[in-house]
Every structure is written in C-alpha cells, then in structure tokens.
Protein backbone atom coordinates (compact mmCIF):
# COMPACT_ATOMS: atom_id res chain seq x y z
CA UNK A 1 -56.92 39.48 0.29
CA UNK A 2 -55.48 42.01 1.72
CA UNK A 3 -57.52 44.83 2.72
CA UNK A 4 -56.79 48.23 0.62
CA UNK A 5 -54.52 51.20 2.21
CA UNK A 6 -56.79 53.68 1.22
CA UNK A 7 -60.02 52.02 1.79
CA UNK A 8 -61.90 55.43 1.16
CA UNK A 9 -60.86 54.96 -2.20
CA UNK A 10 -62.25 51.84 -2.89
CA UNK A 11 -64.83 51.42 -5.28
CA UNK A 12 -67.81 48.32 -4.37
CA UNK A 13 -70.69 49.36 -6.82
CA UNK A 14 -71.08 47.37 -9.43
CA UNK A 15 -71.93 50.47 -11.69
CA UNK A 16 -69.00 52.78 -11.40
CA UNK A 17 -66.89 48.63 -12.09
CA UNK A 18 -68.42 48.24 -14.88
CA UNK A 19 -67.78 52.21 -16.08
CA UNK A 20 -63.98 51.14 -15.74
CA UNK A 21 -63.98 47.93 -17.50
CA UNK A 22 -65.61 49.41 -20.36
CA UNK A 23 -62.86 52.64 -20.26
CA UNK A 24 -60.37 50.62 -20.30
CA UNK A 25 -58.86 49.26 -23.43
CA UNK A 26 -55.95 47.75 -22.60
CA UNK A 27 -55.53 44.90 -19.51
CA UNK A 28 -52.11 44.05 -18.06
CA UNK A 29 -51.07 40.72 -17.20
CA UNK A 30 -48.61 39.87 -15.22
CA UNK A 31 -47.24 35.92 -15.44
CA UNK A 32 -44.18 33.97 -15.04
CA UNK A 33 -41.83 31.73 -17.04
CA UNK A 34 -38.20 29.22 -16.69
CA UNK A 35 -36.65 32.96 -17.50
CA UNK A 36 -38.88 35.33 -15.14
CA UNK A 37 -41.57 37.09 -14.85
CA UNK A 38 -42.82 38.90 -17.26
CA UNK A 39 -46.18 41.57 -18.39
CA UNK A 40 -48.12 41.74 -21.08
CA UNK A 41 -50.60 44.31 -22.00
CA UNK A 42 -53.11 42.79 -24.17
CA UNK A 43 -56.75 44.05 -25.48
CA UNK A 44 -59.62 42.10 -23.55
CA UNK A 45 -63.65 41.32 -23.27
CA UNK A 46 -64.50 40.70 -19.98
CA UNK A 47 -67.90 39.36 -18.82
CA UNK A 48 -69.07 40.84 -14.74
CA UNK A 49 -71.81 40.13 -12.83
CA UNK A 50 -73.31 39.75 -9.22
CA UNK A 51 -73.53 36.81 -7.92
CA UNK A 52 -74.68 35.84 -4.16
CA UNK A 53 -70.57 35.11 -2.65
CA UNK A 54 -70.42 38.93 -4.07
CA UNK A 55 -68.89 40.11 -7.47
CA UNK A 56 -67.93 38.16 -10.52
CA UNK A 57 -65.62 39.43 -13.13
CA UNK A 58 -64.32 36.72 -16.16
CA UNK A 59 -61.47 38.75 -18.62
CA UNK A 60 -61.25 37.24 -21.87
CA UNK A 61 -58.01 37.39 -24.29
CA UNK A 62 -56.67 35.85 -27.77
CA UNK A 63 -53.30 34.99 -29.21
CA UNK A 64 -51.29 33.01 -30.77
CA UNK A 65 -51.58 28.85 -28.83
CA UNK A 66 -47.61 28.54 -28.99
CA UNK A 67 -45.32 31.56 -27.89
CA UNK A 68 -44.27 32.58 -24.46
CA UNK A 69 -47.20 34.04 -23.43
CA UNK A 70 -49.03 30.77 -23.78
CA UNK A 71 -46.09 28.60 -22.68
CA UNK A 72 -46.33 30.68 -19.48
CA UNK A 73 -50.13 30.21 -19.16
CA UNK A 74 -50.08 26.33 -19.35
CA UNK A 75 -47.43 26.15 -17.10
CA UNK A 76 -48.68 28.83 -14.48
CA UNK A 77 -52.24 29.18 -14.68
CA UNK A 78 -51.50 32.16 -11.75
CA UNK A 79 -51.43 35.63 -13.00
CA UNK A 80 -51.71 39.35 -11.41
CA UNK A 81 -54.38 41.52 -13.59
CA UNK A 82 -54.13 45.48 -13.59
CA UNK A 83 -55.92 48.04 -15.96
CA UNK A 84 -56.91 51.94 -15.84
CA UNK A 85 -57.45 54.84 -17.14
CA UNK A 86 -58.48 58.60 -16.20
CA UNK A 87 -55.51 59.73 -15.78
CA UNK A 88 -54.50 62.99 -14.77
CA UNK A 89 -51.32 64.84 -13.25
CA UNK A 90 -53.10 66.14 -10.20
CA UNK A 91 -50.78 69.39 -9.12
CA UNK A 92 -49.06 70.25 -5.54
CA UNK A 93 -48.03 73.13 -4.04
CA UNK A 94 -44.65 70.74 -3.42
CA UNK A 95 -42.68 68.73 -5.29
CA UNK A 96 -44.09 65.99 -2.91
CA UNK A 97 -47.66 66.65 -3.31
CA UNK A 98 -48.12 65.86 -6.50
CA UNK A 99 -49.88 63.02 -7.79
CA UNK A 100 -52.26 61.62 -10.19
CA UNK A 101 -55.56 60.78 -10.37
CA UNK A 102 -57.18 57.67 -11.85
CA UNK A 103 -59.61 54.36 -11.23
CA UNK A 104 -57.91 50.78 -11.56
CA UNK A 105 -58.89 47.39 -11.57
CA UNK A 106 -56.30 44.78 -10.07
CA UNK A 107 -56.14 41.29 -8.74
CA UNK A 108 -55.38 37.83 -9.27
CA UNK A 109 -56.51 35.59 -11.46
CA UNK A 110 -56.40 31.89 -13.27
CA UNK A 111 -55.67 31.34 -17.29
CA UNK A 112 -57.23 28.44 -18.71
CA UNK A 113 -57.31 28.26 -22.19
CA UNK A 114 -61.36 28.37 -23.58
CA UNK A 115 -62.91 24.54 -23.26
CA UNK A 116 -64.51 23.97 -26.68
CA UNK A 117 -65.33 25.62 -30.33
CA UNK A 118 -68.50 27.89 -28.09
CA UNK A 119 -66.19 29.36 -25.87
CA UNK A 120 -64.05 30.13 -28.19
CA UNK A 121 -66.97 32.30 -30.13
CA UNK A 122 -68.31 33.37 -27.01
CA UNK A 123 -65.05 34.69 -25.45
CA UNK A 124 -64.20 36.50 -28.69
CA UNK A 125 -67.84 37.80 -29.11
CA UNK A 126 -66.59 39.70 -26.02
CA UNK A 127 -63.67 41.05 -27.07
CA UNK A 128 -65.74 42.57 -30.37
CA UNK A 129 -68.08 43.73 -28.27
CA UNK A 130 -65.40 45.21 -25.91
CA UNK A 131 -62.64 46.61 -28.36
CA UNK A 132 -65.36 47.43 -31.28
CA UNK A 133 -68.67 47.99 -30.11
CA UNK A 134 -71.06 47.56 -33.13
CA UNK A 135 -68.77 46.03 -35.24
CA UNK A 136 -70.10 42.58 -37.19
CA UNK A 137 -69.03 39.62 -35.83
CA UNK A 138 -68.32 36.85 -38.05
CA UNK A 139 -65.57 34.07 -37.53
CA UNK A 140 -64.60 31.73 -40.32
CA UNK A 141 -63.49 28.54 -39.14
CA UNK A 142 -59.71 28.95 -40.59
CA UNK A 143 -59.69 32.22 -38.32
CA UNK A 144 -60.79 29.74 -34.97
CA UNK A 145 -58.61 27.36 -35.56
CA UNK A 146 -55.68 29.30 -35.54
CA UNK A 147 -56.78 31.94 -32.50
CA UNK A 148 -56.19 30.49 -28.99
CA UNK A 149 -59.03 32.33 -26.60
CA UNK A 150 -57.68 32.45 -22.64
CA UNK A 151 -60.09 32.91 -20.26
CA UNK A 152 -59.26 34.68 -17.00
CA UNK A 153 -61.35 33.26 -14.29
CA UNK A 154 -60.49 36.54 -10.69
CA UNK A 155 -60.32 35.11 -7.72
CA UNK A 156 -60.18 38.62 -6.05
CA UNK A 157 -59.55 41.91 -7.73
CA UNK A 158 -60.78 45.48 -6.30
CA UNK A 159 -60.98 48.25 -7.81
CA UNK A 160 -59.60 52.04 -6.72
CA UNK A 161 -60.32 55.65 -7.50
CA UNK A 162 -58.02 58.86 -7.13
CA UNK A 163 -60.67 62.00 -7.92
CA UNK A 164 -58.79 64.34 -9.86
CA UNK A 165 -59.12 67.81 -7.75
CA UNK A 166 -61.89 70.07 -8.38
CA UNK A 167 -60.17 73.51 -9.99
CA UNK A 168 -61.90 76.21 -7.88
CA UNK A 169 -64.41 79.04 -8.95
CA UNK A 170 -62.76 82.49 -9.24
C-alpha cells in the first residue's frame, strides 16, 4: 500500500481506530458495474482486532439480495471504503489557508455475501450493536430470508486525523 503523504497524520493506535469506527455511522463504498463506478453510503457494523500480521477489520452491511449494489458486488468483489467523523472548518489568514478537521478510515476490501444463516445473524448483530447499542436484537426467519448481509474483509486500510486548531487563551 502506498505510504501516506502526510504520515504525521496517520493513526496506528488501535484504541483511536476503534474510536473512529464507533463515531462513524456511515461508510461509503466505491464499486463498479457495467454502467460505471458508483458510491453507496450505508450503515455498518464491524469487527476490529489485532493479529500477528497487524490489524484486521471486517465490515458488515445489509440490504436486498438483488439490485445494482448486490449485482456489482457479485460481479466485482473489489470495493473502496471511506468513513469519516469529527468534521470542522479550520479558518485561516487567507483564502487557501482554510482547511477541514476530521478523522477517517480509508482502504480497499473484498465483499462477499454471508456464507450461511449463522454468519448472517452475526453480521446483523454487529450492525445493530454499532448503530443501536442496547437495542433488543431479534431476527425473525422471514426477515432473515429477505435480508442479505455482505461482509467486507478489509485487505488494506489506513486511519488519519487532521486536528482542529486549538483556540488561544487571551
């Protein structure tokens, strides 16, 4: 993976990466089909953990089993991923010195449909835990039948932060 140009903004601390994952409520997925490239914003759940070779991240999303998004995932499982939070304007002394503060995670992954009902329930549970912590979780057989769960194994990803300027005390 290409080195980050402003490497001083890269975040490697797993606790801060978890903070970003918790704060973000939408992930944007870039994919393509016969009509071209497109971006889909979706809610998500996740599993993030450390392993010997580094950090691992799996995202879970849900939706219909057919349609443009599902067809694109089936024909080309490669996706680009972006999520961000802590947005703010950084003011400057002149026009081009203005900027934006944020935290983000970006990367590439491979998407696949959940292998079986057990993995589908696991993915939906992760989505609910992330999007509605503390909510009662129960899935009816009819709902599981008509809902597809997609798992995105993040092959490579980076986390980044541009901090807001601290206000000076006067």
